[in-house]
N, C-alpha and C. Protein backbone atom coordinates (compact mmCIF):
# COMPACT_ATOMS: atom_id res chain seq x y z
N MET A 1 -1.78 75.86 -28.01
CA MET A 1 -0.97 74.86 -27.35
C MET A 1 -1.57 73.47 -27.60
N ALA A 2 -0.71 72.52 -27.80
CA ALA A 2 -1.14 71.15 -28.06
C ALA A 2 -1.23 70.37 -26.74
N LYS A 3 -2.16 69.44 -26.70
CA LYS A 3 -2.27 68.60 -25.51
C LYS A 3 -1.49 67.31 -25.75
N VAL A 4 -1.09 66.68 -24.66
CA VAL A 4 -0.43 65.39 -24.72
C VAL A 4 -1.02 64.53 -23.60
N ILE A 5 -1.25 63.27 -23.93
CA ILE A 5 -1.80 62.34 -22.95
C ILE A 5 -0.73 61.30 -22.65
N HIS A 6 -0.33 61.23 -21.39
CA HIS A 6 0.70 60.32 -20.94
C HIS A 6 0.03 59.12 -20.28
N VAL A 7 0.35 57.93 -20.77
CA VAL A 7 -0.17 56.69 -20.18
C VAL A 7 1.00 55.93 -19.58
N HIS A 8 0.99 55.77 -18.27
CA HIS A 8 2.02 55.01 -17.57
C HIS A 8 1.40 53.69 -17.13
N LEU A 9 1.86 52.60 -17.75
CA LEU A 9 1.33 51.28 -17.43
C LEU A 9 2.01 50.75 -16.18
N LEU A 10 1.20 50.24 -15.27
CA LEU A 10 1.72 49.75 -13.99
C LEU A 10 2.05 48.26 -14.01
N CYS A 11 1.32 47.49 -14.78
CA CYS A 11 1.45 46.03 -14.76
C CYS A 11 1.86 45.52 -16.14
N ARG A 12 3.13 45.48 -16.41
CA ARG A 12 3.63 44.97 -17.69
C ARG A 12 4.78 44.01 -17.41
N GLY A 13 5.21 43.32 -18.46
CA GLY A 13 6.36 42.43 -18.34
C GLY A 13 7.62 43.21 -17.97
N ARG A 14 8.61 42.52 -17.52
CA ARG A 14 9.81 43.14 -17.00
C ARG A 14 10.52 44.06 -18.00
N TYR A 15 10.58 43.67 -19.27
CA TYR A 15 11.33 44.45 -20.25
C TYR A 15 10.45 45.22 -21.22
N GLU A 16 9.17 45.28 -20.97
CA GLU A 16 8.27 46.00 -21.87
C GLU A 16 8.24 47.48 -21.53
N ARG A 17 7.99 48.28 -22.54
CA ARG A 17 7.88 49.73 -22.38
C ARG A 17 6.70 50.06 -21.49
N LYS A 18 6.86 51.02 -20.58
CA LYS A 18 5.81 51.34 -19.64
C LYS A 18 5.16 52.70 -19.87
N ASP A 19 5.80 53.58 -20.61
CA ASP A 19 5.27 54.92 -20.81
C ASP A 19 4.96 55.17 -22.28
N TYR A 20 3.78 55.72 -22.51
CA TYR A 20 3.35 56.05 -23.87
C TYR A 20 2.83 57.48 -23.86
N TYR A 21 2.97 58.18 -24.98
CA TYR A 21 2.50 59.55 -25.12
C TYR A 21 1.64 59.65 -26.37
N PHE A 22 0.44 60.21 -26.21
CA PHE A 22 -0.53 60.25 -27.30
C PHE A 22 -1.07 61.67 -27.47
N ALA A 23 -1.57 61.95 -28.67
CA ALA A 23 -2.15 63.25 -28.98
C ALA A 23 -3.65 63.30 -28.68
N SER A 24 -4.27 62.13 -28.48
CA SER A 24 -5.70 62.10 -28.19
C SER A 24 -6.05 60.82 -27.44
N ILE A 25 -7.21 60.81 -26.83
CA ILE A 25 -7.68 59.60 -26.15
C ILE A 25 -7.93 58.50 -27.17
N SER A 26 -8.47 58.84 -28.32
CA SER A 26 -8.71 57.84 -29.35
C SER A 26 -7.42 57.16 -29.79
N ALA A 27 -6.33 57.90 -29.84
CA ALA A 27 -5.04 57.34 -30.26
C ALA A 27 -4.53 56.27 -29.29
N ILE A 28 -4.90 56.38 -28.03
CA ILE A 28 -4.48 55.37 -27.03
C ILE A 28 -4.91 53.99 -27.47
N TYR A 29 -6.12 53.89 -27.97
CA TYR A 29 -6.71 52.58 -28.29
C TYR A 29 -6.32 52.06 -29.67
N THR A 30 -5.44 52.79 -30.38
CA THR A 30 -4.85 52.23 -31.59
C THR A 30 -3.61 51.40 -31.25
N VAL A 31 -3.07 51.61 -30.04
CA VAL A 31 -1.88 50.89 -29.60
C VAL A 31 -2.19 49.93 -28.45
N LEU A 32 -3.01 50.37 -27.52
CA LEU A 32 -3.32 49.58 -26.32
C LEU A 32 -4.77 49.12 -26.33
N LYS A 33 -5.04 48.07 -25.60
CA LYS A 33 -6.40 47.55 -25.43
C LYS A 33 -6.99 48.12 -24.13
N PRO A 34 -8.31 48.17 -24.04
CA PRO A 34 -8.92 48.62 -22.78
C PRO A 34 -8.45 47.81 -21.57
N GLU A 35 -8.14 46.53 -21.80
CA GLU A 35 -7.65 45.68 -20.72
C GLU A 35 -6.26 46.12 -20.25
N ASP A 36 -5.46 46.66 -21.16
CA ASP A 36 -4.12 47.15 -20.80
C ASP A 36 -4.20 48.41 -19.95
N VAL A 37 -5.15 49.28 -20.30
CA VAL A 37 -5.29 50.58 -19.65
C VAL A 37 -6.14 50.48 -18.38
N GLY A 38 -7.06 49.55 -18.36
CA GLY A 38 -7.97 49.42 -17.23
C GLY A 38 -9.17 50.33 -17.33
N ALA A 39 -9.41 50.87 -18.53
CA ALA A 39 -10.55 51.76 -18.75
C ALA A 39 -10.88 51.77 -20.24
N THR A 40 -12.14 51.96 -20.54
CA THR A 40 -12.57 52.04 -21.94
C THR A 40 -12.37 53.46 -22.47
N LYS A 41 -12.42 53.59 -23.78
CA LYS A 41 -12.31 54.90 -24.42
C LYS A 41 -13.43 55.82 -23.94
N ASN A 42 -14.64 55.30 -23.89
CA ASN A 42 -15.79 56.10 -23.46
C ASN A 42 -15.60 56.61 -22.03
N TYR A 43 -15.07 55.77 -21.17
CA TYR A 43 -14.82 56.18 -19.79
C TYR A 43 -13.83 57.36 -19.73
N LEU A 44 -12.72 57.24 -20.45
CA LEU A 44 -11.72 58.31 -20.43
C LEU A 44 -12.24 59.60 -21.05
N LEU A 45 -13.08 59.47 -22.08
CA LEU A 45 -13.65 60.67 -22.71
C LEU A 45 -14.51 61.47 -21.73
N HIS A 46 -15.09 60.80 -20.75
CA HIS A 46 -15.98 61.47 -19.79
C HIS A 46 -15.38 61.57 -18.38
N ALA A 47 -14.11 61.21 -18.22
CA ALA A 47 -13.51 61.14 -16.88
C ALA A 47 -12.92 62.46 -16.40
N GLY A 48 -12.88 63.47 -17.22
CA GLY A 48 -12.36 64.76 -16.78
C GLY A 48 -10.86 64.90 -16.91
N LEU A 49 -10.30 64.41 -17.99
CA LEU A 49 -8.86 64.57 -18.21
C LEU A 49 -8.49 65.99 -18.61
N SER A 50 -9.44 66.72 -19.21
CA SER A 50 -9.12 68.07 -19.66
C SER A 50 -8.74 68.95 -18.46
N GLY A 51 -7.94 69.97 -18.71
CA GLY A 51 -7.50 70.83 -17.62
C GLY A 51 -6.45 70.17 -16.76
N ASN A 52 -5.57 69.39 -17.39
CA ASN A 52 -4.48 68.70 -16.70
C ASN A 52 -4.98 67.69 -15.67
N GLY A 53 -6.04 66.98 -16.02
CA GLY A 53 -6.60 65.98 -15.14
C GLY A 53 -5.83 64.68 -15.16
N THR A 54 -6.10 63.84 -14.16
CA THR A 54 -5.45 62.53 -14.03
C THR A 54 -6.50 61.49 -13.71
N VAL A 55 -6.37 60.32 -14.35
CA VAL A 55 -7.23 59.17 -14.04
C VAL A 55 -6.30 58.03 -13.65
N ILE A 56 -6.59 57.40 -12.52
CA ILE A 56 -5.79 56.27 -12.04
C ILE A 56 -6.66 55.03 -12.03
N THR A 57 -6.18 53.99 -12.70
CA THR A 57 -6.86 52.69 -12.68
C THR A 57 -5.92 51.68 -12.05
N ARG A 58 -6.36 50.45 -11.94
CA ARG A 58 -5.50 49.41 -11.38
C ARG A 58 -4.30 49.10 -12.28
N LYS A 59 -4.42 49.45 -13.56
CA LYS A 59 -3.38 49.08 -14.53
C LYS A 59 -2.59 50.24 -15.09
N ALA A 60 -3.06 51.48 -14.90
CA ALA A 60 -2.38 52.61 -15.52
C ALA A 60 -2.69 53.92 -14.81
N ILE A 61 -1.81 54.88 -15.05
CA ILE A 61 -2.04 56.27 -14.67
C ILE A 61 -2.09 57.05 -15.97
N ILE A 62 -3.21 57.73 -16.21
CA ILE A 62 -3.41 58.47 -17.45
C ILE A 62 -3.50 59.95 -17.10
N LYS A 63 -2.62 60.76 -17.69
CA LYS A 63 -2.59 62.19 -17.41
C LYS A 63 -2.67 62.97 -18.72
N GLN A 64 -3.40 64.06 -18.68
CA GLN A 64 -3.42 64.97 -19.83
C GLN A 64 -2.76 66.26 -19.41
N SER A 65 -1.90 66.77 -20.28
CA SER A 65 -1.19 68.00 -20.00
C SER A 65 -1.00 68.78 -21.29
N THR A 66 -0.38 69.93 -21.17
CA THR A 66 -0.11 70.79 -22.32
C THR A 66 1.35 70.62 -22.74
N LEU A 67 1.56 70.46 -24.02
CA LEU A 67 2.90 70.35 -24.57
C LEU A 67 3.51 71.74 -24.64
N ILE A 68 4.68 71.90 -24.05
CA ILE A 68 5.34 73.20 -24.01
C ILE A 68 6.32 73.29 -25.18
N ARG A 69 6.19 74.33 -25.95
CA ARG A 69 7.05 74.55 -27.11
C ARG A 69 7.74 75.90 -27.00
N CYS A 70 8.85 76.01 -27.69
CA CYS A 70 9.52 77.32 -27.81
C CYS A 70 8.72 78.17 -28.78
N PRO A 71 8.62 79.45 -28.52
CA PRO A 71 7.92 80.31 -29.49
C PRO A 71 8.72 80.40 -30.78
N ARG A 72 8.02 80.53 -31.88
CA ARG A 72 8.68 80.70 -33.17
C ARG A 72 9.37 82.04 -33.21
N GLN A 73 10.57 82.04 -33.74
CA GLN A 73 11.32 83.28 -33.85
C GLN A 73 11.36 83.73 -35.29
N HIS A 74 11.29 85.01 -35.48
CA HIS A 74 11.37 85.60 -36.82
C HIS A 74 12.77 85.35 -37.36
N THR A 75 12.87 84.86 -38.60
CA THR A 75 14.17 84.52 -39.17
C THR A 75 14.95 85.74 -39.64
N GLY A 76 14.30 86.85 -39.81
CA GLY A 76 14.98 88.08 -40.24
C GLY A 76 15.11 88.21 -41.75
N ALA A 77 14.71 87.20 -42.50
CA ALA A 77 14.78 87.28 -43.96
C ALA A 77 13.65 88.16 -44.47
N GLU A 78 14.01 89.16 -45.25
CA GLU A 78 12.98 90.06 -45.77
C GLU A 78 13.07 90.19 -47.25
C-alpha cells in the first residue's frame, strides 16, 4: 500500500489552493517552504507521521495516511 501525505494550509490568500497531496515528506518542500508549512523537513521526519499520524502547526495540518486502491483483477487472457 502506498502512503499519501495531506497538507492542509490554514493561512493562505483568499483564492489560493489550500490542500496538497504528496508521496513523501521530502516532496512537500519541493512545492512549499518551511514558512508555509510551519515546520521544517527534519521536524516532520521525526514528528511521528507514520501510522496515520497527524502534525498540527500554526499554519498547516499535515496528515499521513494509506492510499486505498482497488485490487488488480485478472483479465482472463490466456
